[in-house]
Amino acid sequence: EAPHGHFAMHKDHHALSILIPLSDPTADFGGGGTAFWSQSHPMEGMDSPSIVLKPKPGTALFWGGRVSHKGVTISSGTRVVIVASFSGPNSPREDVKERLSAGLGVRTILSAR
């Protein structure tokens, strides 16, 4: 859960990430969206995102783990999304290896104001 209505810019460091919005950006919340940067090492607050997407409910966004992205601050309402990240058994991250061995390779996040 995002108590302040956003997630700071980050990279997931997984092979693949998927975001599926469950709420409608035209009816359920104001602001928001998912911002992506094309630069390999952008500086939040200094580099503008290359694109900000606000897909319709049920539309899936896919991106690789080396892509910088963030959940843009919502100004009103509630934004609800499902996010899943996947990595293979050769992942360099120990926490990913532990979750995969425990069967927890998928995580769900609700982003609310």
Foldseek 3Di string as FASTA:
>chain_A
DAPQQKFDKDFQQAAKKKKAWQDADVPAFAWKFKFWAPDQDDDPPPDHGPDGDRDGGGDMDMDGRSIIMMITHIDDGFIFMFMFGHHDCPRPDPVCNVCVVVVNRTDGDTRTD
